[in-house]
Amino acid sequence: MPAVNFYVRWPDGKEEKCYSPSTIIYDYFKPGDAMPLSEFIHRAEQALTLASERVANRYGYYCSSAADQIKQLKRRITEFEDQGREVVVMSMSEINH
């Protein structure tokens, strides 16, 4: 099952590499997407939860990396007081294990 690294730029200009265990992430984000923090975390949580479920359907267990990624993104968002600020999806690339 191919996984995907997706790179985001936070409102403070810092870029971060994120991980999805499934290509389902392509249904939620495209390179160049810019959205408010609240929309980003909503989409990310939906996509990564579904990605983890795909792993469970295929291998019999949920993906802890997807859950960890959700927690990391939620923690990062708390650093920004202005919830109207945007996150930009910079790029996405598949990883074949």
N, C-alpha and C. Protein backbone atom coordinates (compact mmCIF):
# COMPACT_ATOMS: atom_id res chain seq x y z
N MET A 1 0.86 -1.18 0.00
CA MET A 1 0.00 0.00 0.00
C MET A 1 0.90 1.23 0.00
N PRO A 2 0.80 2.08 -1.04
CA PRO A 2 1.64 3.28 -1.05
C PRO A 2 1.21 4.28 0.01
N ALA A 3 2.19 4.88 0.63
CA ALA A 3 1.96 5.95 1.60
C ALA A 3 2.30 7.27 0.92
N VAL A 4 1.98 8.37 1.59
CA VAL A 4 2.21 9.69 1.01
C VAL A 4 2.83 10.62 2.05
N ASN A 5 3.88 11.29 1.66
CA ASN A 5 4.39 12.42 2.44
C ASN A 5 3.74 13.67 1.86
N PHE A 6 3.23 14.53 2.73
CA PHE A 6 2.70 15.80 2.26
C PHE A 6 3.35 16.91 3.09
N TYR A 7 3.70 17.96 2.40
CA TYR A 7 4.47 19.03 3.01
C TYR A 7 3.58 20.25 3.14
N VAL A 8 3.55 20.83 4.34
CA VAL A 8 2.71 22.00 4.58
C VAL A 8 3.56 23.17 5.06
N ARG A 9 3.07 24.37 4.77
CA ARG A 9 3.69 25.60 5.29
C ARG A 9 2.70 26.22 6.26
N TRP A 10 3.15 26.40 7.48
CA TRP A 10 2.33 26.97 8.55
C TRP A 10 2.30 28.49 8.44
N PRO A 11 1.38 29.13 9.14
CA PRO A 11 1.28 30.60 9.08
C PRO A 11 2.57 31.33 9.48
N ASP A 12 3.43 30.69 10.27
CA ASP A 12 4.69 31.34 10.67
C ASP A 12 5.79 31.14 9.64
N GLY A 13 5.45 30.50 8.50
CA GLY A 13 6.41 30.29 7.43
C GLY A 13 7.19 29.00 7.52
N LYS A 14 7.08 28.29 8.63
CA LYS A 14 7.81 27.03 8.78
C LYS A 14 7.13 25.95 7.93
N GLU A 15 7.94 25.09 7.34
CA GLU A 15 7.43 23.97 6.56
C GLU A 15 7.63 22.67 7.32
N GLU A 16 6.69 21.76 7.13
CA GLU A 16 6.73 20.50 7.87
C GLU A 16 6.34 19.35 6.95
N LYS A 17 7.07 18.26 7.08
CA LYS A 17 6.73 17.03 6.35
C LYS A 17 5.75 16.24 7.20
N CYS A 18 4.63 15.84 6.58
CA CYS A 18 3.61 15.05 7.26
C CYS A 18 3.47 13.72 6.54
N TYR A 19 2.82 12.76 7.19
CA TYR A 19 2.74 11.41 6.67
C TYR A 19 1.31 10.89 6.66
N SER A 20 0.95 10.25 5.56
CA SER A 20 -0.32 9.52 5.47
C SER A 20 0.00 8.10 5.02
N PRO A 21 -0.56 7.09 5.68
CA PRO A 21 -0.29 5.71 5.28
C PRO A 21 -1.08 5.27 4.04
N SER A 22 -1.83 6.19 3.44
CA SER A 22 -2.67 5.84 2.29
C SER A 22 -2.78 7.02 1.33
N THR A 23 -3.01 6.69 0.07
CA THR A 23 -3.21 7.73 -0.94
C THR A 23 -4.57 8.42 -0.82
N ILE A 24 -5.40 8.00 0.11
CA ILE A 24 -6.69 8.67 0.35
C ILE A 24 -6.48 10.16 0.62
N ILE A 25 -5.29 10.53 1.07
CA ILE A 25 -4.99 11.93 1.37
C ILE A 25 -5.16 12.81 0.13
N TYR A 26 -4.97 12.22 -1.05
CA TYR A 26 -5.15 12.97 -2.30
C TYR A 26 -6.60 13.42 -2.50
N ASP A 27 -7.53 12.76 -1.85
CA ASP A 27 -8.94 13.16 -1.94
C ASP A 27 -9.24 14.39 -1.09
N TYR A 28 -8.32 14.74 -0.20
CA TYR A 28 -8.54 15.83 0.75
C TYR A 28 -7.64 17.04 0.51
N PHE A 29 -6.47 16.82 -0.07
CA PHE A 29 -5.52 17.89 -0.30
C PHE A 29 -4.90 17.78 -1.68
N LYS A 30 -4.57 18.94 -2.23
CA LYS A 30 -3.83 19.03 -3.49
C LYS A 30 -2.72 20.05 -3.28
N PRO A 31 -1.57 19.87 -3.94
CA PRO A 31 -0.51 20.88 -3.84
C PRO A 31 -1.06 22.26 -4.23
N GLY A 32 -0.71 23.23 -3.43
CA GLY A 32 -1.18 24.60 -3.67
C GLY A 32 -2.42 24.97 -2.88
N ASP A 33 -3.10 23.99 -2.29
CA ASP A 33 -4.26 24.30 -1.45
C ASP A 33 -3.85 25.20 -0.30
N ALA A 34 -4.62 26.25 -0.07
CA ALA A 34 -4.43 27.13 1.08
C ALA A 34 -5.78 27.23 1.78
N MET A 35 -5.77 27.04 3.10
CA MET A 35 -7.04 27.03 3.84
C MET A 35 -6.81 27.47 5.27
N PRO A 36 -7.89 27.94 5.91
CA PRO A 36 -7.79 28.29 7.33
C PRO A 36 -7.37 27.08 8.17
N LEU A 37 -6.74 27.35 9.28
CA LEU A 37 -6.28 26.29 10.18
C LEU A 37 -7.40 25.32 10.53
N SER A 38 -8.59 25.83 10.82
CA SER A 38 -9.70 24.96 11.23
C SER A 38 -10.11 24.01 10.12
N GLU A 39 -10.12 24.48 8.89
CA GLU A 39 -10.46 23.61 7.77
C GLU A 39 -9.36 22.58 7.53
N PHE A 40 -8.12 23.01 7.64
CA PHE A 40 -6.99 22.10 7.45
C PHE A 40 -7.06 20.95 8.44
N ILE A 41 -7.23 21.24 9.71
CA ILE A 41 -7.22 20.17 10.70
C ILE A 41 -8.43 19.26 10.54
N HIS A 42 -9.56 19.82 10.15
CA HIS A 42 -10.76 19.01 9.91
C HIS A 42 -10.50 18.02 8.78
N ARG A 43 -9.98 18.52 7.67
CA ARG A 43 -9.68 17.64 6.52
C ARG A 43 -8.61 16.61 6.86
N ALA A 44 -7.56 17.08 7.54
CA ALA A 44 -6.46 16.17 7.89
C ALA A 44 -6.94 15.04 8.79
N GLU A 45 -7.77 15.38 9.77
CA GLU A 45 -8.27 14.35 10.68
C GLU A 45 -9.14 13.34 9.95
N GLN A 46 -10.01 13.82 9.07
CA GLN A 46 -10.85 12.91 8.28
C GLN A 46 -9.98 12.00 7.41
N ALA A 47 -9.04 12.60 6.68
CA ALA A 47 -8.21 11.83 5.75
C ALA A 47 -7.35 10.81 6.48
N LEU A 48 -6.72 11.22 7.56
CA LEU A 48 -5.82 10.31 8.27
C LEU A 48 -6.58 9.22 9.01
N THR A 49 -7.78 9.51 9.47
CA THR A 49 -8.61 8.47 10.09
C THR A 49 -9.01 7.43 9.05
N LEU A 50 -9.43 7.89 7.88
CA LEU A 50 -9.76 6.95 6.80
C LEU A 50 -8.53 6.17 6.34
N ALA A 51 -7.39 6.82 6.29
CA ALA A 51 -6.16 6.14 5.91
C ALA A 51 -5.84 5.01 6.89
N SER A 52 -6.00 5.30 8.17
CA SER A 52 -5.76 4.28 9.19
C SER A 52 -6.74 3.12 9.07
N GLU A 53 -7.99 3.44 8.74
CA GLU A 53 -8.99 2.39 8.54
C GLU A 53 -8.65 1.53 7.33
N ARG A 54 -8.11 2.12 6.29
CA ARG A 54 -7.67 1.34 5.12
C ARG A 54 -6.57 0.36 5.52
N VAL A 55 -5.65 0.83 6.34
CA VAL A 55 -4.59 -0.05 6.83
C VAL A 55 -5.20 -1.20 7.62
N ALA A 56 -6.15 -0.89 8.49
CA ALA A 56 -6.80 -1.93 9.30
C ALA A 56 -7.53 -2.94 8.42
N ASN A 57 -8.19 -2.46 7.39
CA ASN A 57 -8.89 -3.38 6.49
C ASN A 57 -7.93 -4.31 5.76
N ARG A 58 -6.76 -3.80 5.45
CA ARG A 58 -5.80 -4.60 4.70
C ARG A 58 -4.93 -5.49 5.59
N TYR A 59 -4.49 -4.95 6.73
CA TYR A 59 -3.52 -5.67 7.56
C TYR A 59 -4.06 -6.14 8.90
N GLY A 60 -5.25 -5.70 9.27
CA GLY A 60 -5.84 -6.16 10.52
C GLY A 60 -5.53 -5.30 11.73
N TYR A 61 -4.87 -4.18 11.55
CA TYR A 61 -4.59 -3.26 12.66
C TYR A 61 -4.56 -1.83 12.14
N TYR A 62 -4.91 -0.89 13.01
CA TYR A 62 -4.91 0.52 12.64
C TYR A 62 -3.49 1.05 12.62
N CYS A 63 -3.28 2.12 11.88
CA CYS A 63 -1.95 2.72 11.73
C CYS A 63 -1.69 3.73 12.85
N SER A 64 -0.77 3.40 13.71
CA SER A 64 -0.44 4.32 14.81
C SER A 64 0.25 5.58 14.29
N SER A 65 0.92 5.49 13.16
CA SER A 65 1.57 6.67 12.58
C SER A 65 0.54 7.71 12.16
N ALA A 66 -0.60 7.27 11.66
CA ALA A 66 -1.66 8.21 11.28
C ALA A 66 -2.21 8.91 12.52
N ALA A 67 -2.43 8.15 13.58
CA ALA A 67 -2.91 8.75 14.84
C ALA A 67 -1.89 9.73 15.40
N ASP A 68 -0.62 9.37 15.34
CA ASP A 68 0.44 10.26 15.81
C ASP A 68 0.50 11.54 14.99
N GLN A 69 0.29 11.41 13.67
CA GLN A 69 0.32 12.58 12.81
C GLN A 69 -0.83 13.53 13.15
N ILE A 70 -2.01 12.99 13.39
CA ILE A 70 -3.14 13.83 13.79
C ILE A 70 -2.81 14.59 15.07
N LYS A 71 -2.26 13.90 16.06
CA LYS A 71 -1.90 14.55 17.33
C LYS A 71 -0.87 15.65 17.12
N GLN A 72 0.12 15.38 16.28
CA GLN A 72 1.16 16.37 16.02
C GLN A 72 0.57 17.61 15.35
N LEU A 73 -0.32 17.41 14.38
CA LEU A 73 -0.93 18.55 13.69
C LEU A 73 -1.80 19.36 14.65
N LYS A 74 -2.56 18.70 15.51
CA LYS A 74 -3.40 19.41 16.48
C LYS A 74 -2.54 20.21 17.46
N ARG A 75 -1.42 19.64 17.86
CA ARG A 75 -0.51 20.35 18.77
C ARG A 75 0.06 21.59 18.08
N ARG A 76 0.42 21.44 16.83
CA ARG A 76 1.02 22.56 16.09
C ARG A 76 0.02 23.70 15.92
N ILE A 77 -1.23 23.36 15.66
CA ILE A 77 -2.25 24.39 15.46
C ILE A 77 -2.46 25.24 16.71
N THR A 78 -2.28 24.66 17.88
CA THR A 78 -2.47 25.42 19.11
C THR A 78 -1.45 26.55 19.26
N GLU A 79 -0.39 26.53 18.47
CA GLU A 79 0.62 27.58 18.53
C GLU A 79 0.15 28.89 17.90
N PHE A 80 -0.97 28.83 17.17
CA PHE A 80 -1.45 30.01 16.46
C PHE A 80 -2.74 30.50 17.09
N GLU A 81 -2.73 31.76 17.56
CA GLU A 81 -3.91 32.33 18.19
C GLU A 81 -4.97 32.72 17.17
N ASP A 82 -4.54 33.25 16.03
CA ASP A 82 -5.46 33.73 15.01
C ASP A 82 -5.92 32.55 14.17
N GLN A 83 -7.11 32.05 14.45
CA GLN A 83 -7.61 30.87 13.74
C GLN A 83 -7.97 31.15 12.28
N GLY A 84 -7.92 32.41 11.86
CA GLY A 84 -8.20 32.74 10.47
C GLY A 84 -6.98 32.59 9.58
N ARG A 85 -5.83 32.33 10.16
CA ARG A 85 -4.60 32.21 9.38
C ARG A 85 -4.61 30.91 8.58
N GLU A 86 -3.79 30.88 7.54
CA GLU A 86 -3.86 29.76 6.60
C GLU A 86 -2.66 28.81 6.66
N VAL A 87 -2.95 27.58 6.29
CA VAL A 87 -1.95 26.54 6.06
C VAL A 87 -1.94 26.30 4.56
N VAL A 88 -0.77 26.11 3.99
CA VAL A 88 -0.64 25.83 2.57
C VAL A 88 -0.04 24.44 2.39
N VAL A 89 -0.68 23.63 1.54
CA VAL A 89 -0.13 22.32 1.18
C VAL A 89 0.87 22.59 0.05
N MET A 90 2.14 22.35 0.33
CA MET A 90 3.19 22.69 -0.63
C MET A 90 3.35 21.63 -1.71
N SER A 91 3.46 20.38 -1.30
CA SER A 91 3.66 19.30 -2.25
C SER A 91 3.25 17.97 -1.61
N MET A 92 3.17 16.95 -2.46
CA MET A 92 2.79 15.63 -1.99
C MET A 92 3.59 14.62 -2.83
N SER A 93 4.03 13.54 -2.20
CA SER A 93 4.77 12.52 -2.94
C SER A 93 4.53 11.14 -2.33
N GLU A 94 4.32 10.17 -3.22
CA GLU A 94 4.09 8.80 -2.76
C GLU A 94 5.38 8.13 -2.34
N ILE A 95 5.22 7.25 -1.35
CA ILE A 95 6.32 6.44 -0.84
C ILE A 95 5.92 5.00 -1.08
N ASN A 96 6.68 4.26 -1.82
CA ASN A 96 6.38 2.85 -2.02
C ASN A 96 7.27 2.03 -1.10
N HIS A 97 6.64 1.32 -0.18
CA HIS A 97 7.40 0.53 0.80
C HIS A 97 7.84 -0.78 0.20
